[in-house]
Amino acid sequence: MKIFLLLGILNGFLAVALGAFGAHGLEGKLSEKMLATWEKAVQYQMFHTVALLATGLLMQKITAGSIVSAGWFFFAGIILFSGSLYIYSTTQIKTFAMITPIGGLAFLIGWVLLGYAVMKYI
């Protein structure tokens, strides 16, 4: 439980810091399209930060492997989805953009597993 709460707290901090950096440090350095890509990465990181926190809190009530797996899929999704978009937007190397859908799939799997755990155990 504690690991997902800590990962959520860390990712919340990073999402705010990276959002501010994008708004103030990258403005004028990246194209509008790449700034929008950076903002999308921040947005999805923050959404799934909340999912990590919810997972950590739900683990107080649910001791199922599916909820633990959900948390790890959310974390992997943040790394793969948001991480690849951060790198792509600053380097414009298309290979990184091709990693993004894998992160999106990890997010989807995390949500399915979380939903399954909630429906089965609550």
PDB file of N, CA and C in Angstrom:
ATOM      1  N   MET A   1       0.823  -1.192   0.000  1.00  0.00           N
ATOM      2  CA  MET A   1       0.000   0.000   0.000  1.00  0.00           C
ATOM      3  C   MET A   1       0.867   1.255   0.000  1.00  0.00           C
ATOM      4  N   LYS A   2       1.850   1.283   0.889  1.00  0.00           N
ATOM      5  CA  LYS A   2       2.665   2.482   1.030  1.00  0.00           C
ATOM      6  C   LYS A   2       3.398   2.831  -0.269  1.00  0.00           C
ATOM      7  N   ILE A   3       3.820   1.835  -1.020  1.00  0.00           N
ATOM      8  CA  ILE A   3       4.579   2.101  -2.255  1.00  0.00           C
ATOM      9  C   ILE A   3       3.746   2.895  -3.256  1.00  0.00           C
ATOM     10  N   PHE A   4       2.458   2.547  -3.396  1.00  0.00           N
ATOM     11  CA  PHE A   4       1.626   3.261  -4.364  1.00  0.00           C
ATOM     12  C   PHE A   4       1.291   4.669  -3.887  1.00  0.00           C
ATOM     13  N   LEU A   5       1.149   4.836  -2.582  1.00  0.00           N
ATOM     14  CA  LEU A   5       0.943   6.186  -2.057  1.00  0.00           C
ATOM     15  C   LEU A   5       2.186   7.034  -2.296  1.00  0.00           C
ATOM     16  N   LEU A   6       3.359   6.467  -2.049  1.00  0.00           N
ATOM     17  CA  LEU A   6       4.597   7.216  -2.278  1.00  0.00           C
ATOM     18  C   LEU A   6       4.823   7.502  -3.759  1.00  0.00           C
ATOM     19  N   LEU A   7       4.538   6.518  -4.614  1.00  0.00           N
ATOM     20  CA  LEU A   7       4.664   6.749  -6.057  1.00  0.00           C
ATOM     21  C   LEU A   7       3.676   7.820  -6.524  1.00  0.00           C
ATOM     22  N   GLY A   8       2.484   7.813  -5.957  1.00  0.00           N
ATOM     23  CA  GLY A   8       1.496   8.834  -6.293  1.00  0.00           C
ATOM     24  C   GLY A   8       1.959  10.217  -5.867  1.00  0.00           C
ATOM     25  N   ILE A   9       2.482  10.317  -4.667  1.00  0.00           N
ATOM     26  CA  ILE A   9       2.982  11.604  -4.166  1.00  0.00           C
ATOM     27  C   ILE A   9       4.138  12.100  -5.031  1.00  0.00           C
ATOM     28  N   LEU A  10       5.077  11.222  -5.328  1.00  0.00           N
ATOM     29  CA  LEU A  10       6.225  11.591  -6.168  1.00  0.00           C
ATOM     30  C   LEU A  10       5.765  12.030  -7.555  1.00  0.00           C
ATOM     31  N   ASN A  11       4.848  11.276  -8.153  1.00  0.00           N
ATOM     32  CA  ASN A  11       4.385  11.625  -9.492  1.00  0.00           C
ATOM     33  C   ASN A  11       3.536  12.891  -9.498  1.00  0.00           C
ATOM     34  N   GLY A  12       2.810  13.142  -8.421  1.00  0.00           N
ATOM     35  CA  GLY A  12       2.073  14.400  -8.319  1.00  0.00           C
ATOM     36  C   GLY A  12       3.022  15.584  -8.298  1.00  0.00           C
ATOM     37  N   PHE A  13       4.075  15.459  -7.492  1.00  0.00           N
ATOM     38  CA  PHE A  13       5.096  16.505  -7.432  1.00  0.00           C
ATOM     39  C   PHE A  13       5.722  16.731  -8.807  1.00  0.00           C
ATOM     40  N   LEU A  14       6.117  15.617  -9.447  1.00  0.00           N
ATOM     41  CA  LEU A  14       6.758  15.726 -10.763  1.00  0.00           C
ATOM     42  C   LEU A  14       5.824  16.305 -11.812  1.00  0.00           C
ATOM     43  N   ALA A  15       4.546  15.936 -11.776  1.00  0.00           N
ATOM     44  CA  ALA A  15       3.592  16.461 -12.758  1.00  0.00           C
ATOM     45  C   ALA A  15       3.455  17.974 -12.619  1.00  0.00           C
ATOM     46  N   VAL A  16       3.383  18.455 -11.397  1.00  0.00           N
ATOM     47  CA  VAL A  16       3.285  19.903 -11.184  1.00  0.00           C
ATOM     48  C   VAL A  16       4.576  20.587 -11.635  1.00  0.00           C
ATOM     49  N   ALA A  17       5.716  20.028 -11.253  1.00  0.00           N
ATOM     50  CA  ALA A  17       7.005  20.623 -11.629  1.00  0.00           C
ATOM     51  C   ALA A  17       7.194  20.618 -13.146  1.00  0.00           C
ATOM     52  N   LEU A  18       6.873  19.493 -13.794  1.00  0.00           N
ATOM     53  CA  LEU A  18       7.035  19.405 -15.249  1.00  0.00           C
ATOM     54  C   LEU A  18       6.013  20.281 -15.977  1.00  0.00           C
ATOM     55  N   GLY A  19       4.829  20.416 -15.411  1.00  0.00           N
ATOM     56  CA  GLY A  19       3.842  21.325 -16.000  1.00  0.00           C
ATOM     57  C   GLY A  19       4.323  22.762 -15.951  1.00  0.00           C
ATOM     58  N   ALA A  20       4.870  23.168 -14.820  1.00  0.00           N
ATOM     59  CA  ALA A  20       5.402  24.528 -14.690  1.00  0.00           C
ATOM     60  C   ALA A  20       6.596  24.741 -15.611  1.00  0.00           C
ATOM     61  N   PHE A  21       7.466  23.729 -15.683  1.00  0.00           N
ATOM     62  CA  PHE A  21       8.619  23.829 -16.579  1.00  0.00           C
ATOM     63  C   PHE A  21       8.164  23.983 -18.030  1.00  0.00           C
ATOM     64  N   GLY A  22       7.152  23.212 -18.423  1.00  0.00           N
ATOM     65  CA  GLY A  22       6.643  23.323 -19.782  1.00  0.00           C
ATOM     66  C   GLY A  22       6.061  24.696 -20.067  1.00  0.00           C
ATOM     67  N   ALA A  23       5.307  25.224 -19.108  1.00  0.00           N
ATOM     68  CA  ALA A  23       4.654  26.523 -19.299  1.00  0.00           C
ATOM     69  C   ALA A  23       5.643  27.681 -19.288  1.00  0.00           C
ATOM     70  N   HIS A  24       6.677  27.580 -18.466  1.00  0.00           N
ATOM     71  CA  HIS A  24       7.582  28.718 -18.307  1.00  0.00           C
ATOM     72  C   HIS A  24       8.960  28.504 -18.919  1.00  0.00           C
ATOM     73  N   GLY A  25       9.443  27.272 -18.912  1.00  0.00           N
ATOM     74  CA  GLY A  25      10.790  27.013 -19.396  1.00  0.00           C
ATOM     75  C   GLY A  25      10.870  26.624 -20.856  1.00  0.00           C
ATOM     76  N   LEU A  26       9.785  26.064 -21.377  1.00  0.00           N
ATOM     77  CA  LEU A  26       9.819  25.595 -22.764  1.00  0.00           C
ATOM     78  C   LEU A  26       9.081  26.520 -23.735  1.00  0.00           C
ATOM     79  N   GLU A  27       8.331  27.462 -23.209  1.00  0.00           N
ATOM     80  CA  GLU A  27       7.595  28.397 -24.062  1.00  0.00           C
ATOM     81  C   GLU A  27       8.579  29.175 -24.926  1.00  0.00           C
ATOM     82  N   GLY A  28       8.329  29.173 -26.218  1.00  0.00           N
ATOM     83  CA  GLY A  28       9.219  29.840 -27.157  1.00  0.00           C
ATOM     84  C   GLY A  28      10.369  28.964 -27.630  1.00  0.00           C
ATOM     85  N   LYS A  29      10.588  27.839 -26.964  1.00  0.00           N
ATOM     86  CA  LYS A  29      11.658  26.914 -27.354  1.00  0.00           C
ATOM     87  C   LYS A  29      11.123  25.727 -28.148  1.00  0.00           C
ATOM     88  N   LEU A  30       9.849  25.413 -27.938  1.00  0.00           N
ATOM     89  CA  LEU A  30       9.202  24.313 -28.659  1.00  0.00           C
ATOM     90  C   LEU A  30       8.068  24.866 -29.504  1.00  0.00           C
ATOM     91  N   SER A  31       7.741  24.145 -30.553  1.00  0.00           N
ATOM     92  CA  SER A  31       6.595  24.535 -31.369  1.00  0.00           C
ATOM     93  C   SER A  31       5.320  24.375 -30.559  1.00  0.00           C
ATOM     94  N   GLU A  32       4.249  24.975 -31.010  1.00  0.00           N
ATOM     95  CA  GLU A  32       2.951  24.845 -30.340  1.00  0.00           C
ATOM     96  C   GLU A  32       2.528  23.377 -30.256  1.00  0.00           C
ATOM     97  N   LYS A  33       2.780  22.629 -31.332  1.00  0.00           N
ATOM     98  CA  LYS A  33       2.420  21.213 -31.343  1.00  0.00           C
ATOM     99  C   LYS A  33       3.193  20.445 -30.277  1.00  0.00           C
ATOM    100  N   MET A  34       4.481  20.721 -30.158  1.00  0.00           N
ATOM    101  CA  MET A  34       5.298  20.003 -29.177  1.00  0.00           C
ATOM    102  C   MET A  34       4.961  20.448 -27.748  1.00  0.00           C
ATOM    103  N   LEU A  35       4.600  21.721 -27.568  1.00  0.00           N
ATOM    104  CA  LEU A  35       4.143  22.164 -26.248  1.00  0.00           C
ATOM    105  C   LEU A  35       2.841  21.470 -25.866  1.00  0.00           C
ATOM    106  N   ALA A  36       1.950  21.301 -26.847  1.00  0.00           N
ATOM    107  CA  ALA A  36       0.693  20.590 -26.593  1.00  0.00           C
ATOM    108  C   ALA A  36       0.974  19.129 -26.239  1.00  0.00           C
ATOM    109  N   THR A  37       1.964  18.538 -26.874  1.00  0.00           N
ATOM    110  CA  THR A  37       2.359  17.161 -26.560  1.00  0.00           C
ATOM    111  C   THR A  37       2.888  17.088 -25.130  1.00  0.00           C
ATOM    112  N   TRP A  38       3.721  18.044 -24.743  1.00  0.00           N
ATOM    113  CA  TRP A  38       4.243  18.102 -23.368  1.00  0.00           C
ATOM    114  C   TRP A  38       3.084  18.207 -22.376  1.00  0.00           C
ATOM    115  N   GLU A  39       2.138  19.095 -22.678  1.00  0.00           N
ATOM    116  CA  GLU A  39       0.980  19.285 -21.794  1.00  0.00           C
ATOM    117  C   GLU A  39       0.141  18.019 -21.686  1.00  0.00           C
ATOM    118  N   LYS A  40       0.007  17.269 -22.774  1.00  0.00           N
ATOM    119  CA  LYS A  40      -0.723  15.998 -22.748  1.00  0.00           C
ATOM    120  C   LYS A  40      -0.016  15.013 -21.817  1.00  0.00           C
ATOM    121  N   ALA A  41       1.309  14.991 -21.862  1.00  0.00           N
ATOM    122  CA  ALA A  41       2.075  14.109 -20.978  1.00  0.00           C
ATOM    123  C   ALA A  41       1.824  14.478 -19.513  1.00  0.00           C
ATOM    124  N   VAL A  42       1.844  15.768 -19.204  1.00  0.00           N
ATOM    125  CA  VAL A  42       1.591  16.236 -17.841  1.00  0.00           C
ATOM    126  C   VAL A  42       0.180  15.846 -17.404  1.00  0.00           C
ATOM    127  N   GLN A  43      -0.767  16.062 -18.293  1.00  0.00           N
ATOM    128  CA  GLN A  43      -2.177  15.767 -17.981  1.00  0.00           C
ATOM    129  C   GLN A  43      -2.376  14.288 -17.638  1.00  0.00           C
ATOM    130  N   TYR A  44      -1.862  13.413 -18.456  1.00  0.00           N
ATOM    131  CA  TYR A  44      -2.026  11.982 -18.208  1.00  0.00           C
ATOM    132  C   TYR A  44      -1.219  11.524 -17.000  1.00  0.00           C
ATOM    133  N   GLN A  45      -0.083  12.148 -16.756  1.00  0.00           N
ATOM    134  CA  GLN A  45       0.674  11.812 -15.554  1.00  0.00           C
ATOM    135  C   GLN A  45      -0.147  12.171 -14.319  1.00  0.00           C
ATOM    136  N   MET A  46      -0.777  13.332 -14.332  1.00  0.00           N
ATOM    137  CA  MET A  46      -1.557  13.739 -13.166  1.00  0.00           C
ATOM    138  C   MET A  46      -2.803  12.869 -12.987  1.00  0.00           C
ATOM    139  N   PHE A  47      -3.493  12.540 -14.090  1.00  0.00           N
ATOM    140  CA  PHE A  47      -4.659  11.654 -13.982  1.00  0.00           C
ATOM    141  C   PHE A  47      -4.270  10.339 -13.305  1.00  0.00           C
ATOM    142  N   HIS A  48      -3.158   9.798 -13.719  1.00  0.00           N
ATOM    143  CA  HIS A  48      -2.777   8.479 -13.225  1.00  0.00           C
ATOM    144  C   HIS A  48      -2.020   8.546 -11.898  1.00  0.00           C
ATOM    145  N   THR A  49      -1.598   9.737 -11.517  1.00  0.00           N
ATOM    146  CA  THR A  49      -1.137   9.967 -10.156  1.00  0.00           C
ATOM    147  C   THR A  49      -2.305   9.752  -9.196  1.00  0.00           C
ATOM    148  N   VAL A  50      -3.457  10.287  -9.566  1.00  0.00           N
ATOM    149  CA  VAL A  50      -4.667  10.094  -8.752  1.00  0.00           C
ATOM    150  C   VAL A  50      -5.023   8.605  -8.700  1.00  0.00           C
ATOM    151  N   ALA A  51      -4.863   7.905  -9.813  1.00  0.00           N
ATOM    152  CA  ALA A  51      -5.137   6.462  -9.834  1.00  0.00           C
ATOM    153  C   ALA A  51      -4.183   5.715  -8.901  1.00  0.00           C
ATOM    154  N   LEU A  52      -2.913   6.109  -8.865  1.00  0.00           N
ATOM    155  CA  LEU A  52      -1.963   5.477  -7.946  1.00  0.00           C
ATOM    156  C   LEU A  52      -2.360   5.714  -6.491  1.00  0.00           C
ATOM    157  N   LEU A  53      -2.758   6.939  -6.190  1.00  0.00           N
ATOM    158  CA  LEU A  53      -3.187   7.248  -4.828  1.00  0.00           C
ATOM    159  C   LEU A  53      -4.435   6.448  -4.457  1.00  0.00           C
ATOM    160  N   ALA A  54      -5.392   6.378  -5.379  1.00  0.00           N
ATOM    161  CA  ALA A  54      -6.616   5.603  -5.129  1.00  0.00           C
ATOM    162  C   ALA A  54      -6.284   4.127  -4.918  1.00  0.00           C
ATOM    163  N   THR A  55      -5.358   3.623  -5.709  1.00  0.00           N
ATOM    164  CA  THR A  55      -4.944   2.223  -5.567  1.00  0.00           C
ATOM    165  C   THR A  55      -4.356   1.984  -4.178  1.00  0.00           C
ATOM    166  N   GLY A  56      -3.475   2.866  -3.743  1.00  0.00           N
ATOM    167  CA  GLY A  56      -2.883   2.745  -2.415  1.00  0.00           C
ATOM    168  C   GLY A  56      -3.925   2.777  -1.310  1.00  0.00           C
ATOM    169  N   LEU A  57      -4.908   3.656  -1.457  1.00  0.00           N
ATOM    170  CA  LEU A  57      -5.961   3.748  -0.448  1.00  0.00           C
ATOM    171  C   LEU A  57      -6.881   2.535  -0.479  1.00  0.00           C
ATOM    172  N   LEU A  58      -7.213   2.065  -1.675  1.00  0.00           N
ATOM    173  CA  LEU A  58      -8.087   0.892  -1.791  1.00  0.00           C
ATOM    174  C   LEU A  58      -7.424  -0.367  -1.235  1.00  0.00           C
ATOM    175  N   MET A  59      -6.111  -0.397  -1.256  1.00  0.00           N
ATOM    176  CA  MET A  59      -5.405  -1.568  -0.734  1.00  0.00           C
ATOM    177  C   MET A  59      -5.629  -1.753   0.768  1.00  0.00           C
ATOM    178  N   GLN A  60      -6.123  -0.714   1.448  1.00  0.00           N
ATOM    179  CA  GLN A  60      -6.479  -0.861   2.854  1.00  0.00           C
ATOM    180  C   GLN A  60      -7.694  -1.774   3.008  1.00  0.00           C
ATOM    181  N   LYS A  61      -8.553  -1.814   1.989  1.00  0.00           N
ATOM    182  CA  LYS A  61      -9.763  -2.635   2.034  1.00  0.00           C
ATOM    183  C   LYS A  61      -9.643  -3.911   1.218  1.00  0.00           C
ATOM    184  N   ILE A  62      -8.843  -3.857   0.155  1.00  0.00           N
ATOM    185  CA  ILE A  62      -8.752  -4.973  -0.780  1.00  0.00           C
ATOM    186  C   ILE A  62      -7.326  -5.520  -0.762  1.00  0.00           C
ATOM    187  N   THR A  63      -7.195  -6.806  -0.561  1.00  0.00           N
ATOM    188  CA  THR A  63      -5.862  -7.423  -0.561  1.00  0.00           C
ATOM    189  C   THR A  63      -5.722  -8.375  -1.747  1.00  0.00           C
ATOM    190  N   ALA A  64      -6.240  -7.978  -2.877  1.00  0.00           N
ATOM    191  CA  ALA A  64      -6.208  -8.822  -4.067  1.00  0.00           C
ATOM    192  C   ALA A  64      -4.998  -8.488  -4.937  1.00  0.00           C
ATOM    193  N   GLY A  65      -4.478  -9.517  -5.597  1.00  0.00           N
ATOM    194  CA  GLY A  65      -3.365  -9.315  -6.519  1.00  0.00           C
ATOM    195  C   GLY A  65      -3.722  -8.400  -7.671  1.00  0.00           C
ATOM    196  N   SER A  66      -4.997  -8.388  -8.060  1.00  0.00           N
ATOM    197  CA  SER A  66      -5.401  -7.553  -9.194  1.00  0.00           C
ATOM    198  C   SER A  66      -5.240  -6.068  -8.891  1.00  0.00           C
ATOM    199  N   ILE A  67      -5.446  -5.678  -7.656  1.00  0.00           N
ATOM    200  CA  ILE A  67      -5.287  -4.259  -7.336  1.00  0.00           C
ATOM    201  C   ILE A  67      -3.809  -3.876  -7.290  1.00  0.00           C
ATOM    202  N   VAL A  68      -2.967  -4.786  -6.830  1.00  0.00           N
ATOM    203  CA  VAL A  68      -1.519  -4.544  -6.848  1.00  0.00           C
ATOM    204  C   VAL A  68      -1.042  -4.428  -8.293  1.00  0.00           C
ATOM    205  N   SER A  69      -1.510  -5.333  -9.133  1.00  0.00           N
ATOM    206  CA  SER A  69      -1.143  -5.280 -10.554  1.00  0.00           C
ATOM    207  C   SER A  69      -1.625  -3.988 -11.191  1.00  0.00           C
ATOM    208  N   ALA A  70      -2.832  -3.550 -10.835  1.00  0.00           N
ATOM    209  CA  ALA A  70      -3.354  -2.295 -11.369  1.00  0.00           C
ATOM    210  C   ALA A  70      -2.401  -1.144 -11.058  1.00  0.00           C
ATOM    211  N   GLY A  71      -1.937  -1.086  -9.819  1.00  0.00           N
ATOM    212  CA  GLY A  71      -1.012  -0.017  -9.441  1.00  0.00           C
ATOM    213  C   GLY A  71       0.266  -0.031 -10.253  1.00  0.00           C
ATOM    214  N   TRP A  72       0.806  -1.228 -10.473  1.00  0.00           N
ATOM    215  CA  TRP A  72       2.044  -1.312 -11.265  1.00  0.00           C
ATOM    216  C   TRP A  72       1.794  -0.958 -12.729  1.00  0.00           C
ATOM    217  N   PHE A  73       0.616  -1.313 -13.253  1.00  0.00           N
ATOM    218  CA  PHE A  73       0.298  -0.922 -14.627  1.00  0.00           C
ATOM    219  C   PHE A  73       0.134   0.598 -14.739  1.00  0.00           C
ATOM    220  N   PHE A  74      -0.473   1.227 -13.740  1.00  0.00           N
ATOM    221  CA  PHE A  74      -0.579   2.695 -13.759  1.00  0.00           C
ATOM    222  C   PHE A  74       0.807   3.331 -13.754  1.00  0.00           C
ATOM    223  N   PHE A  75       1.685   2.813 -12.906  1.00  0.00           N
ATOM    224  CA  PHE A  75       3.032   3.369 -12.824  1.00  0.00           C
ATOM    225  C   PHE A  75       3.793   3.157 -14.136  1.00  0.00           C
ATOM    226  N   ALA A  76       3.693   1.951 -14.686  1.00  0.00           N
ATOM    227  CA  ALA A  76       4.352   1.679 -15.973  1.00  0.00           C
ATOM    228  C   ALA A  76       3.788   2.578 -17.066  1.00  0.00           C
ATOM    229  N   GLY A  77       2.485   2.797 -17.041  1.00  0.00           N
ATOM    230  CA  GLY A  77       1.863   3.680 -18.023  1.00  0.00           C
ATOM    231  C   GLY A  77       2.401   5.095 -17.937  1.00  0.00           C
ATOM    232  N   ILE A  78       2.588   5.587 -16.715  1.00  0.00           N
ATOM    233  CA  ILE A  78       3.148   6.936 -16.556  1.00  0.00           C
ATOM    234  C   ILE A  78       4.540   6.995 -17.175  1.00  0.00           C
ATOM    235  N   ILE A  79       5.357   5.999 -16.874  1.00  0.00           N
ATOM    236  CA  ILE A  79       6.724   5.982 -17.415  1.00  0.00           C
ATOM    237  C   ILE A  79       6.696   5.919 -18.936  1.00  0.00           C
ATOM    238  N   LEU A  80       5.922   4.974 -19.476  1.00  0.00           N
ATOM    239  CA  LEU A  80       5.921   4.743 -20.924  1.00  0.00           C
ATOM    240  C   LEU A  80       5.156   5.813 -21.697  1.00  0.00           C
ATOM    241  N   PHE A  81       3.963   6.180 -21.225  1.00  0.00           N
ATOM    242  CA  PHE A  81       3.143   7.150 -21.950  1.00  0.00           C
ATOM    243  C   PHE A  81       3.702   8.560 -21.769  1.00  0.00           C
ATOM    244  N   SER A  82       3.682   9.028 -20.527  1.00  0.00           N
ATOM    245  CA  SER A  82       4.126  10.407 -20.294  1.00  0.00           C
ATOM    246  C   SER A  82       5.621  10.553 -20.559  1.00  0.00           C
ATOM    247  N   GLY A  83       6.407   9.587 -20.106  1.00  0.00           N
ATOM    248  CA  GLY A  83       7.850   9.672 -20.330  1.00  0.00           C
ATOM    249  C   GLY A  83       8.216   9.761 -21.801  1.00  0.00           C
ATOM    250  N   SER A  84       7.575   8.925 -22.616  1.00  0.00           N
ATOM    251  CA  SER A  84       7.882   8.967 -24.053  1.00  0.00           C
ATOM    252  C   SER A  84       7.453  10.286 -24.675  1.00  0.00           C
ATOM    253  N   LEU A  85       6.335  10.845 -24.207  1.00  0.00           N
ATOM    254  CA  LEU A  85       5.897  12.132 -24.749  1.00  0.00           C
ATOM    255  C   LEU A  85       6.802  13.282 -24.310  1.00  0.00           C
ATOM    256  N   TYR A  86       7.301  13.226 -23.085  1.00  0.00           N
ATOM    257  CA  TYR A  86       8.259  14.257 -22.648  1.00  0.00           C
ATOM    258  C   TYR A  86       9.504  14.226 -23.537  1.00  0.00           C
ATOM    259  N   ILE A  87      10.017  13.040 -23.757  1.00  0.00           N
ATOM    260  CA  ILE A  87      11.235  12.917 -24.567  1.00  0.00           C
ATOM    261  C   ILE A  87      10.949  13.293 -26.021  1.00  0.00           C
ATOM    262  N   TYR A  88       9.839  12.799 -26.563  1.00  0.00           N
ATOM    263  CA  TYR A  88       9.495  13.104 -27.958  1.00  0.00           C
ATOM    264  C   TYR A  88       9.320  14.607 -28.174  1.00  0.00           C
ATOM    265  N   SER A  89       8.620  15.263 -27.256  1.00  0.00           N
ATOM    266  CA  SER A  89       8.346  16.684 -27.463  1.00  0.00           C
ATOM    267  C   SER A  89       9.616  17.530 -27.427  1.00  0.00           C
ATOM    268  N   THR A  90      10.626  17.085 -26.708  1.00  0.00           N
ATOM    269  CA  THR A  90      11.863  17.879 -26.634  1.00  0.00           C
ATOM    270  C   THR A  90      12.906  17.459 -27.663  1.00  0.00           C
ATOM    271  N   THR A  91      12.831  16.215 -28.143  1.00  0.00           N
ATOM    272  CA  THR A  91      13.830  15.759 -29.121  1.00  0.00           C
ATOM    273  C   THR A  91      13.249  15.610 -30.524  1.00  0.00           C
ATOM    274  N   GLN A  92      11.948  15.391 -30.604  1.00  0.00           N
ATOM    275  CA  GLN A  92      11.221  15.128 -31.847  1.00  0.00           C
ATOM    276  C   GLN A  92      11.724  13.872 -32.562  1.00  0.00           C
ATOM    277  N   ILE A  93      12.259  12.944 -31.790  1.00  0.00           N
ATOM    278  CA  ILE A  93      12.653  11.643 -32.327  1.00  0.00           C
ATOM    279  C   ILE A  93      11.411  10.758 -32.305  1.00  0.00           C
ATOM    280  N   LYS A  94      10.930  10.404 -33.479  1.00  0.00           N
ATOM    281  CA  LYS A  94       9.649   9.698 -33.606  1.00  0.00           C
ATOM    282  C   LYS A  94       9.613   8.329 -32.928  1.00  0.00           C
ATOM    283  N   THR A  95      10.746   7.716 -32.731  1.00  0.00           N
ATOM    284  CA  THR A  95      10.796   6.419 -32.058  1.00  0.00           C
ATOM    285  C   THR A  95      10.135   6.500 -30.682  1.00  0.00           C
ATOM    286  N   PHE A  96      10.350   7.609 -29.995  1.00  0.00           N
ATOM    287  CA  PHE A  96       9.749   7.767 -28.670  1.00  0.00           C
ATOM    288  C   PHE A  96       8.230   7.862 -28.754  1.00  0.00           C
ATOM    289  N   ALA A  97       7.724   8.498 -29.809  1.00  0.00           N
ATOM    290  CA  ALA A  97       6.274   8.593 -29.978  1.00  0.00           C
ATOM    291  C   ALA A  97       5.650   7.218 -30.207  1.00  0.00           C
ATOM    292  N   MET A  98       6.423   6.288 -30.734  1.00  0.00           N
ATOM    293  CA  MET A  98       5.899   4.942 -30.978  1.00  0.00           C
ATOM    294  C   MET A  98       5.770   4.133 -29.686  1.00  0.00           C
ATOM    295  N   ILE A  99       6.425   4.567 -28.617  1.00  0.00           N
ATOM    296  CA  ILE A  99       6.323   3.898 -27.324  1.00  0.00           C
ATOM    297  C   ILE A  99       5.031   4.297 -26.607  1.00  0.00           C
ATOM    298  N   THR A 100       4.543   5.480 -26.906  1.00  0.00           N
ATOM    299  CA  THR A 100       3.387   6.049 -26.213  1.00  0.00           C
ATOM    300  C   THR A 100       2.181   5.115 -26.174  1.00  0.00           C
ATOM    301  N   PRO A 101       1.789   4.471 -27.279  1.00  0.00           N
ATOM    302  CA  PRO A 101       0.612   3.582 -27.207  1.00  0.00           C
ATOM    303  C   PRO A 101       0.780   2.406 -26.245  1.00  0.00           C
ATOM    304  N   ILE A 102       2.016   1.962 -26.038  1.00  0.00           N
ATOM    305  CA  ILE A 102       2.242   0.888 -25.071  1.00  0.00           C
ATOM    306  C   ILE A 102       1.888   1.383 -23.665  1.00  0.00           C
ATOM    307  N   GLY A 103       2.270   2.619 -23.377  1.00  0.00           N
ATOM    308  CA  GLY A 103       1.894   3.226 -22.103  1.00  0.00           C
ATOM    309  C   GLY A 103       0.386   3.393 -21.983  1.00  0.00           C
ATOM    310  N   GLY A 104      -0.254   3.770 -23.083  1.00  0.00           N
ATOM    311  CA  GLY A 104      -1.715   3.882 -23.078  1.00  0.00           C
ATOM    312  C   GLY A 104      -2.378   2.549 -22.796  1.00  0.00           C
ATOM    313  N   LEU A 105      -1.828   1.488 -23.366  1.00  0.00           N
ATOM    314  CA  LEU A 105      -2.347   0.141 -23.106  1.00  0.00           C
ATOM    315  C   LEU A 105      -2.156  -0.232 -21.636  1.00  0.00           C
ATOM    316  N   ALA A 106      -1.018   0.135 -21.065  1.00  0.00           N
ATOM    317  CA  ALA A 106      -0.779  -0.126 -19.641  1.00  0.00           C
ATOM    318  C   ALA A 106      -1.817   0.601 -18.780  1.00  0.00           C
ATOM    319  N   PHE A 107      -2.143   1.845 -19.143  1.00  0.00           N
ATOM    320  CA  PHE A 107      -3.190   2.572 -18.422  1.00  0.00           C
ATOM    321  C   PHE A 107      -4.518   1.815 -18.494  1.00  0.00           C
ATOM    322  N   LEU A 108      -4.883   1.394 -19.692  1.00  0.00           N
ATOM    323  CA  LEU A 108      -6.153   0.680 -19.870  1.00  0.00           C
ATOM    324  C   LEU A 108      -6.197  -0.603 -19.043  1.00  0.00           C
ATOM    325  N   ILE A 109      -5.113  -1.358 -19.059  1.00  0.00           N
ATOM    326  CA  ILE A 109      -5.055  -2.598 -18.271  1.00  0.00           C
ATOM    327  C   ILE A 109      -5.187  -2.266 -16.784  1.00  0.00           C
ATOM    328  N   GLY A 110      -4.521  -1.219 -16.345  1.00  0.00           N
ATOM    329  CA  GLY A 110      -4.626  -0.801 -14.949  1.00  0.00           C
ATOM    330  C   GLY A 110      -6.063  -0.489 -14.553  1.00  0.00           C
ATOM    331  N   TRP A 111      -6.775   0.228 -15.423  1.00  0.00           N
ATOM    332  CA  TRP A 111      -8.170   0.570 -15.117  1.00  0.00           C
ATOM    333  C   TRP A 111      -9.057  -0.670 -15.092  1.00  0.00           C
ATOM    334  N   VAL A 112      -8.836  -1.593 -16.010  1.00  0.00           N
ATOM    335  CA  VAL A 112      -9.624  -2.837 -16.018  1.00  0.00           C
ATOM    336  C   VAL A 112      -9.371  -3.626 -14.735  1.00  0.00           C
ATOM    337  N   LEU A 113      -8.107  -3.760 -14.350  1.00  0.00           N
ATOM    338  CA  LEU A 113      -7.777  -4.494 -13.128  1.00  0.00           C
ATOM    339  C   LEU A 113      -8.346  -3.810 -11.884  1.00  0.00           C
ATOM    340  N   LEU A 114      -8.287  -2.494 -11.846  1.00  0.00           N
ATOM    341  CA  LEU A 114      -8.851  -1.768 -10.715  1.00  0.00           C
ATOM    342  C   LEU A 114     -10.365  -1.973 -10.651  1.00  0.00           C
ATOM    343  N   GLY A 115     -11.002  -1.864 -11.803  1.00  0.00           N
ATOM    344  CA  GLY A 115     -12.453  -2.096 -11.859  1.00  0.00           C
ATOM    345  C   GLY A 115     -12.819  -3.498 -11.427  1.00  0.00           C
ATOM    346  N   TYR A 116     -12.057  -4.472 -11.880  1.00  0.00           N
ATOM    347  CA  TYR A 116     -12.299  -5.865 -11.501  1.00  0.00           C
ATOM    348  C   TYR A 116     -12.199  -6.037  -9.982  1.00  0.00           C
ATOM    349  N   ALA A 117     -11.144  -5.475  -9.396  1.00  0.00           N
ATOM    350  CA  ALA A 117     -10.951  -5.607  -7.948  1.00  0.00           C
ATOM    351  C   ALA A 117     -12.094  -4.952  -7.181  1.00  0.00           C
ATOM    352  N   VAL A 118     -12.504  -3.796  -7.610  1.00  0.00           N
ATOM    353  CA  VAL A 118     -13.593  -3.093  -6.921  1.00  0.00           C
ATOM    354  C   VAL A 118     -14.899  -3.885  -7.043  1.00  0.00           C
ATOM    355  N   MET A 119     -15.192  -4.369  -8.238  1.00  0.00           N
ATOM    356  CA  MET A 119     -16.448  -5.117  -8.439  1.00  0.00           C
ATOM    357  C   MET A 119     -16.446  -6.427  -7.659  1.00  0.00           C
ATOM    358  N   LYS A 120     -15.312  -7.074  -7.581  1.00  0.00           N
ATOM    359  CA  LYS A 120     -15.258  -8.379  -6.930  1.00  0.00           C
ATOM    360  C   LYS A 120     -15.183  -8.289  -5.411  1.00  0.00           C
ATOM    361  N   TYR A 121     -14.474  -7.302  -4.892  1.00  0.00           N
ATOM    362  CA  TYR A 121     -14.170  -7.283  -3.461  1.00  0.00           C
ATOM    363  C   TYR A 121     -14.875  -6.203  -2.653  1.00  0.00           C
ATOM    364  N   ILE A 122     -15.541  -5.281  -3.299  1.00  0.00           N
ATOM    365  CA  ILE A 122     -16.255  -4.241  -2.524  1.00  0.00           C
ATOM    366  C   ILE A 122     -17.752  -4.399  -2.739  1.00  0.00           C
TER     367      ILE A 122
END
